[in-house]
Amino acid sequence: MKAVWDGEPVSVAEALEAVNSAREEPVARNTVLVQMQRLEEKGWLSREPVGRGYRYRPTVGREEAQAEMARDFERAVFDGSTASLVRCLVDGDLEPGEIEELRKIVDAAEGRAK
């Protein structure tokens, strides 16, 4: 999705290049193609024919998709426990700025919960 959000619209070849530019071990073209087809089936991408191929566009915004993926991950891995997910994420080294940002997020959540 990041390759599509960053370069929309993109072909499979362009998405493959973007994905592989950040990896040591390259991903096969077919892997990217299948993933893009699955994302289209889920309604996250649309495609338009261009020549002999297609160009893909996102139909879901980055923040909406990230929130949905995080909720799915929270349910699947942490039995739906937000606290367990956050505990795992902040168990490593945090920068002082990140700690302050997390405090603001928790304060805002407390305000909404009241």
C-alpha atoms as a PDB file:
ATOM      1  CA  MET A   1       0.000   0.000   0.000  1.00  0.00           C
ATOM      2  CA  LYS A   2       2.845   2.371   0.823  1.00  0.00           C
ATOM      3  CA  ALA A   3       4.180   2.060  -2.738  1.00  0.00           C
ATOM      4  CA  VAL A   4       0.743   2.915  -4.120  1.00  0.00           C
ATOM      5  CA  TRP A   5       0.126   5.805  -1.710  1.00  0.00           C
ATOM      6  CA  ASP A   6       3.571   7.244  -2.455  1.00  0.00           C
ATOM      7  CA  GLY A   7       3.406   6.967  -6.246  1.00  0.00           C
ATOM      8  CA  GLU A   8      -0.201   6.733  -7.292  1.00  0.00           C
ATOM      9  CA  PRO A   9      -1.158   5.622  -9.785  1.00  0.00           C
ATOM     10  CA  VAL A  10       1.398   2.836 -10.101  1.00  0.00           C
ATOM     11  CA  SER A  11       1.926  -0.201 -12.260  1.00  0.00           C
ATOM     12  CA  VAL A  12       2.974  -3.537 -10.793  1.00  0.00           C
ATOM     13  CA  ALA A  13       6.501  -2.903 -12.097  1.00  0.00           C
ATOM     14  CA  GLU A  14       6.653   0.494 -10.340  1.00  0.00           C
ATOM     15  CA  ALA A  15       5.321  -0.992  -7.102  1.00  0.00           C
ATOM     16  CA  LEU A  16       7.863  -3.819  -7.360  1.00  0.00           C
ATOM     17  CA  GLU A  17      10.692  -1.317  -7.806  1.00  0.00           C
ATOM     18  CA  ALA A  18       9.507   0.713  -4.792  1.00  0.00           C
ATOM     19  CA  VAL A  19       9.162  -2.373  -2.596  1.00  0.00           C
ATOM     20  CA  ASN A  20      12.550  -3.786  -3.588  1.00  0.00           C
ATOM     21  CA  SER A  21      14.368  -0.466  -3.165  1.00  0.00           C
ATOM     22  CA  ALA A  22      13.992  -0.840   0.610  1.00  0.00           C
ATOM     23  CA  ARG A  23      14.867  -4.534   0.848  1.00  0.00           C
ATOM     24  CA  GLU A  24      18.037  -6.599   0.844  1.00  0.00           C
ATOM     25  CA  GLU A  25      16.244  -9.694  -0.457  1.00  0.00           C
ATOM     26  CA  PRO A  26      14.141  -8.742  -3.493  1.00  0.00           C
ATOM     27  CA  VAL A  27      10.487  -9.725  -3.729  1.00  0.00           C
ATOM     28  CA  ALA A  28       9.335 -11.499  -6.880  1.00  0.00           C
ATOM     29  CA  ARG A  29       7.095  -9.648  -9.342  1.00  0.00           C
ATOM     30  CA  ASN A  30       4.395 -12.275  -8.952  1.00  0.00           C
ATOM     31  CA  THR A  31       4.340 -11.709  -5.170  1.00  0.00           C
ATOM     32  CA  VAL A  32       3.621  -7.997  -5.659  1.00  0.00           C
ATOM     33  CA  LEU A  33       1.047  -8.737  -8.371  1.00  0.00           C
ATOM     34  CA  VAL A  34      -0.852 -11.208  -6.170  1.00  0.00           C
ATOM     35  CA  GLN A  35      -0.770  -8.816  -3.212  1.00  0.00           C
ATOM     36  CA  MET A  36      -2.124  -5.978  -5.352  1.00  0.00           C
ATOM     37  CA  GLN A  37      -4.883  -8.243  -6.670  1.00  0.00           C
ATOM     38  CA  ARG A  38      -5.822  -9.189  -3.100  1.00  0.00           C
ATOM     39  CA  LEU A  39      -5.877  -5.531  -2.058  1.00  0.00           C
ATOM     40  CA  GLU A  40      -8.136  -4.804  -5.020  1.00  0.00           C
ATOM     41  CA  GLU A  41     -10.470  -7.650  -3.979  1.00  0.00           C
ATOM     42  CA  LYS A  42     -10.600  -6.169  -0.448  1.00  0.00           C
ATOM     43  CA  GLY A  43     -11.553  -2.820  -1.959  1.00  0.00           C
ATOM     44  CA  TRP A  44      -8.332  -1.066  -0.951  1.00  0.00           C
ATOM     45  CA  LEU A  45      -7.134  -0.545  -4.543  1.00  0.00           C
ATOM     46  CA  SER A  46      -8.779   0.186  -7.864  1.00  0.00           C
ATOM     47  CA  ARG A  47      -7.179  -0.376 -11.227  1.00  0.00           C
ATOM     48  CA  GLU A  48      -7.485   1.116 -14.667  1.00  0.00           C
ATOM     49  CA  PRO A  49      -6.268  -0.507 -17.872  1.00  0.00           C
ATOM     50  CA  VAL A  50      -3.273   1.153 -19.496  1.00  0.00           C
ATOM     51  CA  GLY A  51      -1.835  -0.537 -22.563  1.00  0.00           C
ATOM     52  CA  ARG A  52      -1.337  -4.222 -21.771  1.00  0.00           C
ATOM     53  CA  GLY A  53      -1.307  -3.691 -18.004  1.00  0.00           C
ATOM     54  CA  TYR A  54      -3.000  -1.779 -15.231  1.00  0.00           C
ATOM     55  CA  ARG A  55      -2.306   1.207 -13.020  1.00  0.00           C
ATOM     56  CA  TYR A  56      -3.456   0.977  -9.413  1.00  0.00           C
ATOM     57  CA  ARG A  57      -4.808   3.717  -7.124  1.00  0.00           C
ATOM     58  CA  PRO A  58      -5.655   3.550  -3.431  1.00  0.00           C
ATOM     59  CA  THR A  59      -9.336   3.674  -2.511  1.00  0.00           C
ATOM     60  CA  VAL A  60      -8.553   3.825   1.208  1.00  0.00           C
ATOM     61  CA  GLY A  61      -6.554   6.606   2.837  1.00  0.00           C
ATOM     62  CA  ARG A  62      -3.292   5.887   4.614  1.00  0.00           C
ATOM     63  CA  GLU A  63      -4.574   6.703   8.142  1.00  0.00           C
ATOM     64  CA  GLU A  64      -7.806   4.736   7.697  1.00  0.00           C
ATOM     65  CA  ALA A  65      -5.898   1.697   6.436  1.00  0.00           C
ATOM     66  CA  GLN A  66      -3.306   1.915   9.216  1.00  0.00           C
ATOM     67  CA  ALA A  67      -6.047   2.092  11.847  1.00  0.00           C
ATOM     68  CA  GLU A  68      -7.837  -0.929  10.377  1.00  0.00           C
ATOM     69  CA  MET A  69      -4.620  -2.953  10.152  1.00  0.00           C
ATOM     70  CA  ALA A  70      -3.696  -2.047  13.727  1.00  0.00           C
ATOM     71  CA  ARG A  71      -7.146  -3.137  14.976  1.00  0.00           C
ATOM     72  CA  ASP A  72      -6.856  -6.438  13.073  1.00  0.00           C
ATOM     73  CA  PHE A  73      -3.349  -6.994  14.481  1.00  0.00           C
ATOM     74  CA  GLU A  74      -4.522  -6.125  18.007  1.00  0.00           C
ATOM     75  CA  ARG A  75      -7.368  -8.655  17.775  1.00  0.00           C
ATOM     76  CA  ALA A  76      -5.274 -11.407  16.164  1.00  0.00           C
ATOM     77  CA  VAL A  77      -2.086 -11.139  18.217  1.00  0.00           C
ATOM     78  CA  PHE A  78      -3.072  -9.459  21.498  1.00  0.00           C
ATOM     79  CA  ASP A  79      -6.587 -10.883  21.967  1.00  0.00           C
ATOM     80  CA  GLY A  80      -8.007  -7.398  21.483  1.00  0.00           C
ATOM     81  CA  SER A  81      -6.019  -5.848  24.334  1.00  0.00           C
ATOM     82  CA  THR A  82      -4.877  -2.354  23.432  1.00  0.00           C
ATOM     83  CA  ALA A  83      -2.840  -2.169  26.644  1.00  0.00           C
ATOM     84  CA  SER A  84      -0.909  -5.349  25.736  1.00  0.00           C
ATOM     85  CA  LEU A  85      -0.205  -4.040  22.237  1.00  0.00           C
ATOM     86  CA  VAL A  86       1.015  -0.673  23.526  1.00  0.00           C
ATOM     87  CA  ARG A  87       3.093  -2.330  26.262  1.00  0.00           C
ATOM     88  CA  CYS A  88       4.835  -4.424  23.622  1.00  0.00           C
ATOM     89  CA  LEU A  89       5.463  -1.409  21.397  1.00  0.00           C
ATOM     90  CA  VAL A  90       6.908   0.813  24.126  1.00  0.00           C
ATOM     91  CA  ASP A  91       8.975  -1.900  25.782  1.00  0.00           C
ATOM     92  CA  GLY A  92      11.970  -0.898  23.640  1.00  0.00           C
ATOM     93  CA  ASP A  93      13.983   2.291  23.530  1.00  0.00           C
ATOM     94  CA  LEU A  94      11.884   5.423  23.159  1.00  0.00           C
ATOM     95  CA  GLU A  95      13.167   8.884  22.353  1.00  0.00           C
ATOM     96  CA  PRO A  96      12.143  11.672  24.772  1.00  0.00           C
ATOM     97  CA  GLY A  97       9.997  13.257  22.052  1.00  0.00           C
ATOM     98  CA  GLU A  98       8.170   9.981  21.510  1.00  0.00           C
ATOM     99  CA  ILE A  99       7.430   9.656  25.214  1.00  0.00           C
ATOM    100  CA  GLU A 100       5.909  13.146  25.256  1.00  0.00           C
ATOM    101  CA  GLU A 101       3.851  12.345  22.168  1.00  0.00           C
ATOM    102  CA  LEU A 102       2.540   9.176  23.847  1.00  0.00           C
ATOM    103  CA  ARG A 103       1.595  11.194  26.947  1.00  0.00           C
ATOM    104  CA  LYS A 104      -0.447  13.550  24.767  1.00  0.00           C
ATOM    105  CA  ILE A 105      -2.185  10.605  23.085  1.00  0.00           C
ATOM    106  CA  VAL A 106      -3.083   9.037  26.456  1.00  0.00           C
ATOM    107  CA  ASP A 107      -4.283  12.400  27.823  1.00  0.00           C
ATOM    108  CA  ALA A 108      -6.519  12.868  24.782  1.00  0.00           C
ATOM    109  CA  ALA A 109      -7.895   9.330  25.155  1.00  0.00           C
ATOM    110  CA  GLU A 110      -8.641   9.980  28.823  1.00  0.00           C
ATOM    111  CA  GLY A 111     -10.519  13.138  27.869  1.00  0.00           C
ATOM    112  CA  ARG A 112     -12.657  11.231  25.362  1.00  0.00           C
ATOM    113  CA  ALA A 113     -13.369   8.441  27.869  1.00  0.00           C
ATOM    114  CA  LYS A 114     -14.795  10.799  30.506  1.00  0.00           C
END
